Amino acid sequence: MSPQHRVGRLLMASSFSIVVLGAAAATEDIRDWPCDAPLVERFDPGQIWGRPLPTPLPEGWRQNAAVREVVEFGANPENSPGQGAKRIAAFAAPLGAEREEQLMMVFAGLLDQFNLLRRFLIEGVRDFVLRAKILRDAVGQNDAALAALPADGGARVEAQRRAYAQARSLDARSMVDAMEEAEFLCRRYGYLDRKLRELTAAIRANL
């Protein structure tokens, strides 16, 4: 096969990939909330605790330096649930009569911090979903522009066809990237729930 034929085949394959990607992007179903876990704006204290709370949630956890340190450590994404549980146990070990009050302050603080983290994740998912929808519309507009071009219009029309196809390909790839970013944040959204429940179990175990 001559070099010219090989180049021609590569160009045809590339064009076919662009068409397939663009068509798939234009018909992609983009849900407003793509995560498997249901959308809940805030954590419910009773559901996270798993039973009736032993006492009403106390306030003022930020004013307690020791409690604040445990909360910030547990909520830090760099620290695993197991590390947070160990930090809670170490905090609870020397406590006496004030154990329940102090640990419930930790729980209140974790709820506040995890609600803040959840809000950031929800906003991030929504942002990427909106971006994907805008890009999907751009792909559809490029499709319409391509369809409007005459089948045989000479070099100028072919140049326009290539430009629209390239723009559609870039928009389609960007749309897929946005959806993948939203999916990654969905995994973090689910992990946040599991981590908070594990830290809450550590609090209950040390009461």
N, C-alpha and C. Protein backbone atom coordinates (compact mmCIF):
# COMPACT_ATOMS: atom_id res chain seq x y z
N MET A 1 0.85 -1.19 0.00
CA MET A 1 0.00 0.00 0.00
C MET A 1 0.89 1.24 0.00
N SER A 2 0.54 2.19 -0.85
CA SER A 2 1.37 3.39 -0.96
C SER A 2 1.18 4.28 0.25
N PRO A 3 2.17 5.15 0.54
CA PRO A 3 2.03 6.09 1.66
C PRO A 3 0.78 6.95 1.53
N GLN A 4 0.42 7.33 0.30
CA GLN A 4 -0.76 8.16 0.10
C GLN A 4 -2.03 7.44 0.55
N HIS A 5 -2.08 6.12 0.21
CA HIS A 5 -3.26 5.34 0.61
C HIS A 5 -3.34 5.19 2.13
N ARG A 6 -2.18 4.99 2.76
CA ARG A 6 -2.18 4.84 4.22
C ARG A 6 -2.65 6.13 4.88
N VAL A 7 -2.15 7.26 4.39
CA VAL A 7 -2.58 8.55 4.95
C VAL A 7 -4.08 8.74 4.74
N GLY A 8 -4.55 8.35 3.56
CA GLY A 8 -5.97 8.49 3.28
C GLY A 8 -6.82 7.67 4.22
N ARG A 9 -6.38 6.43 4.50
CA ARG A 9 -7.13 5.57 5.42
C ARG A 9 -7.15 6.15 6.84
N LEU A 10 -6.01 6.68 7.26
CA LEU A 10 -5.93 7.27 8.59
C LEU A 10 -6.88 8.46 8.70
N LEU A 11 -6.92 9.28 7.67
CA LEU A 11 -7.82 10.42 7.68
C LEU A 11 -9.27 9.98 7.72
N MET A 12 -9.61 8.93 6.97
CA MET A 12 -10.97 8.41 6.98
C MET A 12 -11.34 7.86 8.34
N ALA A 13 -10.41 7.12 8.96
CA ALA A 13 -10.67 6.56 10.29
C ALA A 13 -10.86 7.66 11.31
N SER A 14 -10.03 8.69 11.20
CA SER A 14 -10.15 9.81 12.12
C SER A 14 -11.48 10.52 11.96
N SER A 15 -11.88 10.72 10.71
CA SER A 15 -13.17 11.38 10.46
C SER A 15 -14.33 10.54 10.99
N PHE A 16 -14.23 9.21 10.82
CA PHE A 16 -15.29 8.33 11.32
C PHE A 16 -15.38 8.41 12.84
N SER A 17 -14.22 8.45 13.52
CA SER A 17 -14.22 8.56 14.99
C SER A 17 -14.86 9.85 15.44
N ILE A 18 -14.58 10.93 14.71
CA ILE A 18 -15.16 12.22 15.06
C ILE A 18 -16.67 12.18 14.92
N VAL A 19 -17.16 11.56 13.83
CA VAL A 19 -18.60 11.48 13.61
C VAL A 19 -19.27 10.67 14.71
N VAL A 20 -18.68 9.50 15.04
CA VAL A 20 -19.26 8.62 16.06
C VAL A 20 -19.29 9.32 17.41
N LEU A 21 -18.18 9.95 17.78
CA LEU A 21 -18.10 10.63 19.07
C LEU A 21 -19.09 11.78 19.13
N GLY A 22 -19.18 12.53 18.06
CA GLY A 22 -20.11 13.65 18.04
C GLY A 22 -21.55 13.20 18.14
N ALA A 23 -21.89 12.14 17.41
CA ALA A 23 -23.26 11.63 17.44
C ALA A 23 -23.61 11.09 18.82
N ALA A 24 -22.68 10.37 19.44
CA ALA A 24 -22.93 9.83 20.78
C ALA A 24 -23.12 10.95 21.78
N ALA A 25 -22.30 12.00 21.68
CA ALA A 25 -22.41 13.11 22.62
C ALA A 25 -23.74 13.83 22.47
N ALA A 26 -24.19 13.99 21.22
CA ALA A 26 -25.42 14.73 20.99
C ALA A 26 -26.64 14.01 21.56
N THR A 27 -26.58 12.69 21.68
CA THR A 27 -27.72 11.92 22.18
C THR A 27 -27.51 11.46 23.63
N GLU A 28 -26.42 11.87 24.24
CA GLU A 28 -26.11 11.41 25.61
C GLU A 28 -27.17 11.88 26.59
N ASP A 29 -27.62 10.97 27.44
CA ASP A 29 -28.58 11.32 28.48
C ASP A 29 -27.81 11.86 29.68
N ILE A 30 -28.04 13.10 30.01
CA ILE A 30 -27.35 13.73 31.12
C ILE A 30 -28.37 14.04 32.22
N ARG A 31 -28.29 13.30 33.29
CA ARG A 31 -29.24 13.50 34.39
C ARG A 31 -28.84 14.71 35.21
N ASP A 32 -29.83 15.40 35.75
CA ASP A 32 -29.55 16.55 36.60
C ASP A 32 -28.74 16.14 37.82
N TRP A 33 -29.03 14.94 38.35
CA TRP A 33 -28.26 14.41 39.47
C TRP A 33 -27.77 13.03 39.07
N PRO A 34 -26.53 12.91 38.62
CA PRO A 34 -26.04 11.65 38.05
C PRO A 34 -25.56 10.63 39.08
N CYS A 35 -25.50 10.99 40.34
CA CYS A 35 -24.96 10.09 41.36
C CYS A 35 -25.96 8.98 41.69
N ASP A 36 -25.43 7.81 42.03
CA ASP A 36 -26.29 6.70 42.47
C ASP A 36 -26.91 7.01 43.83
N ALA A 37 -26.14 7.61 44.73
CA ALA A 37 -26.67 7.99 46.04
C ALA A 37 -27.66 9.14 45.86
N PRO A 38 -28.78 9.11 46.56
CA PRO A 38 -29.79 10.17 46.39
C PRO A 38 -29.25 11.53 46.82
N LEU A 39 -29.80 12.56 46.21
CA LEU A 39 -29.41 13.92 46.54
C LEU A 39 -30.06 14.33 47.85
N VAL A 40 -29.25 14.58 48.86
CA VAL A 40 -29.71 15.08 50.15
C VAL A 40 -28.78 16.22 50.53
N GLU A 41 -29.35 17.40 50.73
CA GLU A 41 -28.52 18.58 50.93
C GLU A 41 -27.73 18.53 52.24
N ARG A 42 -28.33 17.97 53.29
CA ARG A 42 -27.68 17.94 54.60
C ARG A 42 -27.84 16.57 55.24
N PHE A 43 -26.88 16.21 56.05
CA PHE A 43 -26.96 14.95 56.79
C PHE A 43 -27.98 15.08 57.93
N ASP A 44 -28.79 14.06 58.08
CA ASP A 44 -29.75 14.02 59.18
C ASP A 44 -29.09 13.41 60.40
N PRO A 45 -29.02 14.13 61.52
CA PRO A 45 -28.31 13.61 62.71
C PRO A 45 -28.82 12.26 63.17
N GLY A 46 -30.15 12.09 63.21
CA GLY A 46 -30.72 10.83 63.68
C GLY A 46 -30.37 9.66 62.77
N GLN A 47 -30.41 9.88 61.46
CA GLN A 47 -30.08 8.81 60.53
C GLN A 47 -28.60 8.43 60.62
N ILE A 48 -27.75 9.43 60.76
CA ILE A 48 -26.32 9.15 60.88
C ILE A 48 -26.01 8.45 62.20
N TRP A 49 -26.66 8.87 63.26
CA TRP A 49 -26.43 8.24 64.57
C TRP A 49 -26.95 6.82 64.58
N GLY A 50 -28.03 6.56 63.86
CA GLY A 50 -28.56 5.21 63.74
C GLY A 50 -29.56 4.81 64.80
N ARG A 51 -29.86 5.71 65.69
CA ARG A 51 -30.81 5.47 66.78
C ARG A 51 -31.11 6.83 67.41
N PRO A 52 -32.05 6.91 68.33
CA PRO A 52 -32.30 8.21 68.97
C PRO A 52 -31.04 8.75 69.63
N LEU A 53 -30.80 10.05 69.47
CA LEU A 53 -29.63 10.66 70.07
C LEU A 53 -29.73 10.60 71.60
N PRO A 54 -28.61 10.33 72.28
CA PRO A 54 -28.66 10.26 73.75
C PRO A 54 -28.95 11.60 74.40
N THR A 55 -28.52 12.68 73.74
CA THR A 55 -28.78 14.04 74.22
C THR A 55 -28.97 14.94 73.01
N PRO A 56 -29.63 16.08 73.18
CA PRO A 56 -29.68 17.04 72.07
C PRO A 56 -28.27 17.46 71.67
N LEU A 57 -28.11 17.81 70.39
CA LEU A 57 -26.80 18.21 69.91
C LEU A 57 -26.35 19.49 70.61
N PRO A 58 -25.18 19.48 71.24
CA PRO A 58 -24.69 20.69 71.90
C PRO A 58 -24.17 21.71 70.88
N GLU A 59 -24.04 22.94 71.31
CA GLU A 59 -23.48 23.99 70.47
C GLU A 59 -22.11 24.40 71.02
N GLY A 60 -21.44 25.22 70.26
CA GLY A 60 -20.18 25.79 70.74
C GLY A 60 -18.98 24.89 70.61
N TRP A 61 -19.01 23.89 69.70
CA TRP A 61 -17.87 22.99 69.57
C TRP A 61 -16.62 23.72 69.10
N ARG A 62 -16.81 24.80 68.35
CA ARG A 62 -15.64 25.54 67.85
C ARG A 62 -14.88 26.25 68.97
N GLN A 63 -15.57 26.52 70.06
CA GLN A 63 -14.92 27.21 71.18
C GLN A 63 -14.10 26.26 72.05
N ASN A 64 -14.25 24.95 71.83
CA ASN A 64 -13.50 23.96 72.60
C ASN A 64 -12.33 23.50 71.73
N ALA A 65 -11.12 23.93 72.12
CA ALA A 65 -9.94 23.67 71.28
C ALA A 65 -9.70 22.18 71.06
N ALA A 66 -9.86 21.37 72.11
CA ALA A 66 -9.60 19.93 71.99
C ALA A 66 -10.63 19.27 71.06
N VAL A 67 -11.88 19.65 71.23
CA VAL A 67 -12.93 19.11 70.37
C VAL A 67 -12.71 19.55 68.92
N ARG A 68 -12.38 20.82 68.75
CA ARG A 68 -12.17 21.34 67.40
C ARG A 68 -11.04 20.60 66.68
N GLU A 69 -9.98 20.26 67.41
CA GLU A 69 -8.86 19.54 66.81
C GLU A 69 -9.30 18.16 66.32
N VAL A 70 -10.10 17.46 67.11
CA VAL A 70 -10.59 16.13 66.73
C VAL A 70 -11.51 16.23 65.52
N VAL A 71 -12.38 17.21 65.53
CA VAL A 71 -13.32 17.40 64.41
C VAL A 71 -12.55 17.70 63.12
N GLU A 72 -11.59 18.61 63.19
CA GLU A 72 -10.84 18.99 61.99
C GLU A 72 -10.00 17.82 61.47
N PHE A 73 -9.48 17.03 62.39
CA PHE A 73 -8.71 15.85 61.97
C PHE A 73 -9.62 14.84 61.28
N GLY A 74 -10.77 14.57 61.89
CA GLY A 74 -11.69 13.58 61.33
C GLY A 74 -12.26 14.01 59.99
N ALA A 75 -12.53 15.31 59.84
CA ALA A 75 -13.15 15.80 58.61
C ALA A 75 -12.14 16.01 57.49
N ASN A 76 -10.86 16.05 57.82
CA ASN A 76 -9.83 16.27 56.81
C ASN A 76 -9.85 15.13 55.78
N PRO A 77 -10.05 15.43 54.49
CA PRO A 77 -10.09 14.36 53.48
C PRO A 77 -8.81 13.54 53.42
N GLU A 78 -7.69 14.08 53.90
CA GLU A 78 -6.43 13.34 53.85
C GLU A 78 -6.38 12.22 54.88
N ASN A 79 -7.26 12.27 55.88
CA ASN A 79 -7.26 11.27 56.95
C ASN A 79 -8.37 10.26 56.71
N SER A 80 -8.03 8.98 56.82
CA SER A 80 -8.99 7.91 56.57
C SER A 80 -9.97 7.78 57.74
N PRO A 81 -11.09 7.10 57.53
CA PRO A 81 -12.02 6.87 58.65
C PRO A 81 -11.35 6.14 59.80
N GLY A 82 -10.45 5.20 59.49
CA GLY A 82 -9.76 4.48 60.55
C GLY A 82 -8.88 5.39 61.39
N GLN A 83 -8.20 6.31 60.73
CA GLN A 83 -7.37 7.26 61.47
C GLN A 83 -8.24 8.16 62.33
N GLY A 84 -9.36 8.59 61.77
CA GLY A 84 -10.27 9.43 62.55
C GLY A 84 -10.82 8.70 63.76
N ALA A 85 -11.15 7.41 63.58
CA ALA A 85 -11.68 6.62 64.70
C ALA A 85 -10.65 6.49 65.82
N LYS A 86 -9.38 6.30 65.44
CA LYS A 86 -8.32 6.20 66.45
C LYS A 86 -8.15 7.52 67.18
N ARG A 87 -8.29 8.62 66.45
CA ARG A 87 -8.15 9.93 67.09
C ARG A 87 -9.30 10.18 68.06
N ILE A 88 -10.49 9.73 67.72
CA ILE A 88 -11.64 9.86 68.62
C ILE A 88 -11.43 9.03 69.88
N ALA A 89 -10.93 7.80 69.71
CA ALA A 89 -10.69 6.93 70.87
C ALA A 89 -9.63 7.53 71.78
N ALA A 90 -8.58 8.10 71.21
CA ALA A 90 -7.53 8.71 72.02
C ALA A 90 -8.06 9.93 72.77
N PHE A 91 -8.94 10.68 72.11
CA PHE A 91 -9.55 11.84 72.75
C PHE A 91 -10.45 11.43 73.91
N ALA A 92 -11.20 10.34 73.72
CA ALA A 92 -12.18 9.92 74.72
C ALA A 92 -11.55 9.23 75.91
N ALA A 93 -10.38 8.60 75.72
CA ALA A 93 -9.78 7.77 76.77
C ALA A 93 -9.64 8.46 78.13
N PRO A 94 -9.12 9.69 78.22
CA PRO A 94 -8.93 10.30 79.54
C PRO A 94 -10.17 11.01 80.09
N LEU A 95 -11.25 11.06 79.32
CA LEU A 95 -12.43 11.81 79.75
C LEU A 95 -13.15 11.09 80.88
N GLY A 96 -13.70 11.89 81.77
CA GLY A 96 -14.44 11.33 82.91
C GLY A 96 -15.92 11.59 82.77
N ALA A 97 -16.47 12.33 83.70
CA ALA A 97 -17.90 12.57 83.73
C ALA A 97 -18.38 13.36 82.51
N GLU A 98 -17.47 14.11 81.91
CA GLU A 98 -17.86 14.95 80.77
C GLU A 98 -17.75 14.19 79.44
N ARG A 99 -17.51 12.89 79.48
CA ARG A 99 -17.28 12.12 78.26
C ARG A 99 -18.42 12.28 77.26
N GLU A 100 -19.65 12.05 77.69
CA GLU A 100 -20.77 12.11 76.75
C GLU A 100 -20.91 13.50 76.15
N GLU A 101 -20.81 14.52 76.97
CA GLU A 101 -20.95 15.89 76.46
C GLU A 101 -19.86 16.21 75.43
N GLN A 102 -18.63 15.83 75.74
CA GLN A 102 -17.51 16.13 74.85
C GLN A 102 -17.64 15.36 73.52
N LEU A 103 -18.00 14.09 73.62
CA LEU A 103 -18.13 13.30 72.40
C LEU A 103 -19.31 13.75 71.54
N MET A 104 -20.38 14.19 72.19
CA MET A 104 -21.51 14.70 71.41
C MET A 104 -21.14 16.03 70.75
N MET A 105 -20.25 16.78 71.35
CA MET A 105 -19.75 17.99 70.71
C MET A 105 -18.93 17.63 69.47
N VAL A 106 -18.15 16.56 69.58
CA VAL A 106 -17.41 16.09 68.41
C VAL A 106 -18.38 15.69 67.30
N PHE A 107 -19.43 15.00 67.66
CA PHE A 107 -20.42 14.59 66.67
C PHE A 107 -21.07 15.81 66.01
N ALA A 108 -21.43 16.81 66.82
CA ALA A 108 -22.03 18.03 66.27
C ALA A 108 -21.06 18.72 65.32
N GLY A 109 -19.79 18.76 65.70
CA GLY A 109 -18.79 19.39 64.85
C GLY A 109 -18.59 18.64 63.55
N LEU A 110 -18.56 17.31 63.62
CA LEU A 110 -18.41 16.51 62.40
C LEU A 110 -19.60 16.72 61.46
N LEU A 111 -20.79 16.81 62.01
CA LEU A 111 -21.97 17.07 61.18
C LEU A 111 -21.82 18.41 60.45
N ASP A 112 -21.40 19.44 61.17
CA ASP A 112 -21.23 20.75 60.55
C ASP A 112 -20.20 20.70 59.42
N GLN A 113 -19.06 20.08 59.69
CA GLN A 113 -17.99 20.04 58.70
C GLN A 113 -18.35 19.17 57.50
N PHE A 114 -18.98 18.04 57.76
CA PHE A 114 -19.35 17.15 56.65
C PHE A 114 -20.49 17.75 55.83
N ASN A 115 -21.37 18.51 56.45
CA ASN A 115 -22.40 19.21 55.68
C ASN A 115 -21.76 20.25 54.76
N LEU A 116 -20.72 20.91 55.25
CA LEU A 116 -20.02 21.88 54.42
C LEU A 116 -19.34 21.19 53.24
N LEU A 117 -18.67 20.06 53.51
CA LEU A 117 -18.02 19.31 52.44
C LEU A 117 -19.04 18.79 51.43
N ARG A 118 -20.18 18.32 51.94
CA ARG A 118 -21.22 17.80 51.04
C ARG A 118 -21.74 18.92 50.14
N ARG A 119 -21.90 20.12 50.69
CA ARG A 119 -22.39 21.24 49.88
C ARG A 119 -21.42 21.55 48.74
N PHE A 120 -20.12 21.53 49.05
CA PHE A 120 -19.12 21.77 48.00
C PHE A 120 -19.22 20.71 46.90
N LEU A 121 -19.38 19.44 47.30
CA LEU A 121 -19.46 18.37 46.31
C LEU A 121 -20.72 18.49 45.45
N ILE A 122 -21.84 18.82 46.07
CA ILE A 122 -23.08 18.98 45.32
C ILE A 122 -22.95 20.10 44.29
N GLU A 123 -22.36 21.22 44.72
CA GLU A 123 -22.15 22.34 43.80
C GLU A 123 -21.22 21.93 42.66
N GLY A 124 -20.21 21.14 42.97
CA GLY A 124 -19.29 20.68 41.94
C GLY A 124 -19.96 19.78 40.93
N VAL A 125 -20.77 18.84 41.41
CA VAL A 125 -21.49 17.94 40.51
C VAL A 125 -22.41 18.74 39.60
N ARG A 126 -23.15 19.67 40.19
CA ARG A 126 -24.09 20.47 39.39
C ARG A 126 -23.35 21.31 38.34
N ASP A 127 -22.18 21.82 38.70
CA ASP A 127 -21.41 22.62 37.77
C ASP A 127 -20.96 21.79 36.57
N PHE A 128 -20.46 20.58 36.83
CA PHE A 128 -20.01 19.73 35.73
C PHE A 128 -21.18 19.24 34.88
N VAL A 129 -22.32 18.98 35.50
CA VAL A 129 -23.50 18.58 34.73
C VAL A 129 -23.93 19.71 33.81
N LEU A 130 -23.96 20.93 34.33
CA LEU A 130 -24.34 22.08 33.50
C LEU A 130 -23.35 22.25 32.34
N ARG A 131 -22.06 22.09 32.65
CA ARG A 131 -21.04 22.21 31.60
C ARG A 131 -21.26 21.15 30.51
N ALA A 132 -21.57 19.92 30.94
CA ALA A 132 -21.80 18.85 29.97
C ALA A 132 -23.00 19.14 29.09
N LYS A 133 -24.06 19.71 29.67
CA LYS A 133 -25.25 20.02 28.89
C LYS A 133 -24.97 21.13 27.87
N ILE A 134 -24.20 22.13 28.28
CA ILE A 134 -23.85 23.21 27.35
C ILE A 134 -23.03 22.66 26.19
N LEU A 135 -22.10 21.78 26.50
CA LEU A 135 -21.27 21.18 25.45
C LEU A 135 -22.08 20.27 24.55
N ARG A 136 -23.04 19.56 25.12
CA ARG A 136 -23.91 18.71 24.29
C ARG A 136 -24.68 19.56 23.30
N ASP A 137 -25.16 20.72 23.75
CA ASP A 137 -25.86 21.63 22.83
C ASP A 137 -24.92 22.12 21.73
N ALA A 138 -23.67 22.39 22.10
CA ALA A 138 -22.69 22.84 21.10
C ALA A 138 -22.45 21.75 20.06
N VAL A 139 -22.40 20.49 20.51
CA VAL A 139 -22.25 19.38 19.56
C VAL A 139 -23.44 19.34 18.61
N GLY A 140 -24.64 19.52 19.15
CA GLY A 140 -25.82 19.52 18.30
C GLY A 140 -25.82 20.65 17.29
N GLN A 141 -25.32 21.80 17.70
CA GLN A 141 -25.24 22.93 16.77
C GLN A 141 -24.24 22.65 15.65
N ASN A 142 -23.12 22.02 16.00
CA ASN A 142 -22.15 21.64 14.97
C ASN A 142 -22.73 20.59 14.02
N ASP A 143 -23.50 19.67 14.57
CA ASP A 143 -24.15 18.67 13.72
C ASP A 143 -25.08 19.35 12.71
N ALA A 144 -25.85 20.32 13.22
CA ALA A 144 -26.78 21.02 12.33
C ALA A 144 -26.03 21.79 11.25
N ALA A 145 -24.93 22.42 11.63
CA ALA A 145 -24.14 23.17 10.65
C ALA A 145 -23.54 22.24 9.59
N LEU A 146 -23.09 21.07 10.02
CA LEU A 146 -22.55 20.09 9.07
C LEU A 146 -23.63 19.60 8.12
N ALA A 147 -24.81 19.33 8.66
CA ALA A 147 -25.90 18.82 7.83
C ALA A 147 -26.34 19.85 6.80
N ALA A 148 -26.15 21.12 7.11
CA ALA A 148 -26.59 22.18 6.20
C ALA A 148 -25.61 22.41 5.04
N LEU A 149 -24.42 21.88 5.15
CA LEU A 149 -23.44 22.07 4.08
C LEU A 149 -23.81 21.23 2.86
N PRO A 150 -23.60 21.74 1.67
CA PRO A 150 -23.89 20.96 0.46
C PRO A 150 -22.94 19.77 0.36
N ALA A 151 -23.42 18.71 -0.25
CA ALA A 151 -22.61 17.49 -0.36
C ALA A 151 -21.37 17.72 -1.19
N ASP A 152 -21.47 18.54 -2.19
CA ASP A 152 -20.32 18.78 -3.05
C ASP A 152 -20.21 20.28 -3.28
N GLY A 153 -19.36 20.93 -2.49
CA GLY A 153 -19.26 22.38 -2.59
C GLY A 153 -17.86 22.88 -2.83
N GLY A 154 -16.97 21.98 -3.19
CA GLY A 154 -15.63 22.42 -3.49
C GLY A 154 -14.75 22.53 -2.26
N ALA A 155 -13.56 23.08 -2.45
CA ALA A 155 -12.55 23.14 -1.39
C ALA A 155 -13.01 23.99 -0.21
N ARG A 156 -13.70 25.06 -0.49
CA ARG A 156 -14.14 25.95 0.60
C ARG A 156 -15.11 25.24 1.53
N VAL A 157 -16.07 24.52 0.95
CA VAL A 157 -17.04 23.79 1.77
C VAL A 157 -16.36 22.67 2.55
N GLU A 158 -15.41 22.00 1.92
CA GLU A 158 -14.69 20.93 2.62
C GLU A 158 -13.90 21.48 3.80
N ALA A 159 -13.35 22.67 3.64
CA ALA A 159 -12.63 23.29 4.75
C ALA A 159 -13.59 23.61 5.90
N GLN A 160 -14.79 24.09 5.56
CA GLN A 160 -15.80 24.34 6.59
C GLN A 160 -16.22 23.05 7.27
N ARG A 161 -16.35 21.98 6.46
CA ARG A 161 -16.76 20.69 7.02
C ARG A 161 -15.73 20.20 8.04
N ARG A 162 -14.46 20.32 7.68
CA ARG A 162 -13.41 19.89 8.61
C ARG A 162 -13.42 20.73 9.88
N ALA A 163 -13.64 22.03 9.73
CA ALA A 163 -13.65 22.92 10.91
C ALA A 163 -14.80 22.57 11.84
N TYR A 164 -16.00 22.35 11.28
CA TYR A 164 -17.15 21.97 12.11
C TYR A 164 -16.92 20.62 12.78
N ALA A 165 -16.35 19.67 12.01
CA ALA A 165 -16.11 18.33 12.56
C ALA A 165 -15.10 18.38 13.70
N GLN A 166 -14.06 19.19 13.53
CA GLN A 166 -13.06 19.31 14.60
C GLN A 166 -13.65 19.97 15.83
N ALA A 167 -14.46 21.00 15.63
CA ALA A 167 -15.09 21.68 16.76
C ALA A 167 -16.03 20.74 17.49
N ARG A 168 -16.78 19.94 16.70
CA ARG A 168 -17.70 18.98 17.31
C ARG A 168 -16.93 17.92 18.11
N SER A 169 -15.82 17.47 17.58
CA SER A 169 -15.01 16.47 18.28
C SER A 169 -14.49 17.02 19.59
N LEU A 170 -13.98 18.25 19.57
CA LEU A 170 -13.46 18.86 20.80
C LEU A 170 -14.57 19.04 21.83
N ASP A 171 -15.73 19.51 21.38
CA ASP A 171 -16.85 19.70 22.31
C ASP A 171 -17.31 18.37 22.89
N ALA A 172 -17.35 17.33 22.04
CA ALA A 172 -17.78 16.01 22.51
C ALA A 172 -16.81 15.46 23.54
N ARG A 173 -15.52 15.60 23.28
CA ARG A 173 -14.53 15.11 24.24
C ARG A 173 -14.62 15.88 25.55
N SER A 174 -14.81 17.20 25.45
CA SER A 174 -14.93 18.02 26.66
C SER A 174 -16.18 17.65 27.45
N MET A 175 -17.26 17.30 26.73
CA MET A 175 -18.48 16.89 27.40
C MET A 175 -18.27 15.59 28.17
N VAL A 176 -17.59 14.64 27.53
CA VAL A 176 -17.28 13.38 28.20
C VAL A 176 -16.40 13.63 29.43
N ASP A 177 -15.43 14.51 29.30
CA ASP A 177 -14.57 14.84 30.43
C ASP A 177 -15.38 15.43 31.58
N ALA A 178 -16.32 16.32 31.27
CA ALA A 178 -17.15 16.93 32.32
C ALA A 178 -17.99 15.88 33.03
N MET A 179 -18.53 14.92 32.27
CA MET A 179 -19.34 13.86 32.88
C MET A 179 -18.48 12.95 33.76
N GLU A 180 -17.24 12.70 33.32
CA GLU A 180 -16.34 11.88 34.14
C GLU A 180 -15.98 12.60 35.43
N GLU A 181 -15.79 13.91 35.36
CA GLU A 181 -15.50 14.69 36.58
C GLU A 181 -16.69 14.63 37.53
N ALA A 182 -17.90 14.74 36.98
CA ALA A 182 -19.09 14.65 37.82
C ALA A 182 -19.19 13.27 38.47
N GLU A 183 -18.85 12.23 37.71
CA GLU A 183 -18.88 10.86 38.25
C GLU A 183 -17.87 10.70 39.39
N PHE A 184 -16.69 11.31 39.23
CA PHE A 184 -15.69 11.24 40.30
C PHE A 184 -16.20 11.93 41.57
N LEU A 185 -16.83 13.09 41.41
CA LEU A 185 -17.39 13.77 42.57
C LEU A 185 -18.53 12.97 43.19
N CYS A 186 -19.27 12.22 42.37
CA CYS A 186 -20.31 11.34 42.90
C CYS A 186 -19.71 10.28 43.82
N ARG A 187 -18.56 9.74 43.42
CA ARG A 187 -17.90 8.75 44.28
C ARG A 187 -17.46 9.39 45.60
N ARG A 188 -16.96 10.60 45.54
CA ARG A 188 -16.57 11.30 46.77
C ARG A 188 -17.81 11.60 47.62
N TYR A 189 -18.92 11.90 46.98
CA TYR A 189 -20.18 12.16 47.69
C TYR A 189 -20.60 10.93 48.49
N GLY A 190 -20.53 9.76 47.85
CA GLY A 190 -20.88 8.53 48.56
C GLY A 190 -19.88 8.20 49.66
N TYR A 191 -18.61 8.43 49.39
CA TYR A 191 -17.57 8.15 50.38
C TYR A 191 -17.75 9.03 51.61
N LEU A 192 -18.16 10.27 51.41
CA LEU A 192 -18.35 11.20 52.52
C LEU A 192 -19.38 10.65 53.51
N ASP A 193 -20.45 10.09 52.98
CA ASP A 193 -21.49 9.49 53.83
C ASP A 193 -20.92 8.32 54.62
N ARG A 194 -20.19 7.43 53.94
CA ARG A 194 -19.63 6.26 54.62
C ARG A 194 -18.63 6.67 55.70
N LYS A 195 -17.81 7.66 55.40
CA LYS A 195 -16.81 8.09 56.37
C LYS A 195 -17.47 8.67 57.61
N LEU A 196 -18.47 9.53 57.42
CA LEU A 196 -19.15 10.12 58.57
C LEU A 196 -19.80 9.04 59.43
N ARG A 197 -20.38 8.04 58.81
CA ARG A 197 -21.01 6.97 59.59
C ARG A 197 -19.97 6.16 60.38
N GLU A 198 -18.80 5.95 59.79
CA GLU A 198 -17.76 5.23 60.52
C GLU A 198 -17.23 6.05 61.70
N LEU A 199 -17.07 7.33 61.50
CA LEU A 199 -16.63 8.18 62.62
C LEU A 199 -17.71 8.25 63.70
N THR A 200 -18.95 8.28 63.29
CA THR A 200 -20.04 8.28 64.27
C THR A 200 -20.07 6.99 65.05
N ALA A 201 -19.82 5.86 64.38
CA ALA A 201 -19.75 4.58 65.09
C ALA A 201 -18.63 4.59 66.11
N ALA A 202 -17.52 5.24 65.80
CA ALA A 202 -16.41 5.34 66.77
C ALA A 202 -16.83 6.17 67.96
N ILE A 203 -17.58 7.23 67.74
CA ILE A 203 -18.07 8.05 68.87
C ILE A 203 -18.97 7.21 69.76
N ARG A 204 -19.93 6.50 69.17
CA ARG A 204 -20.84 5.66 69.96
C ARG A 204 -20.07 4.61 70.74
N ALA A 205 -19.03 4.04 70.14
CA ALA A 205 -18.27 2.99 70.80
C ALA A 205 -17.50 3.51 71.99
N ASN A 206 -17.23 4.80 72.03
CA ASN A 206 -16.43 5.37 73.12
C ASN A 206 -17.27 6.12 74.15
N LEU A 207 -18.57 6.08 74.03
CA LEU A 207 -19.42 6.74 75.01
C LEU A 207 -19.37 6.00 76.36
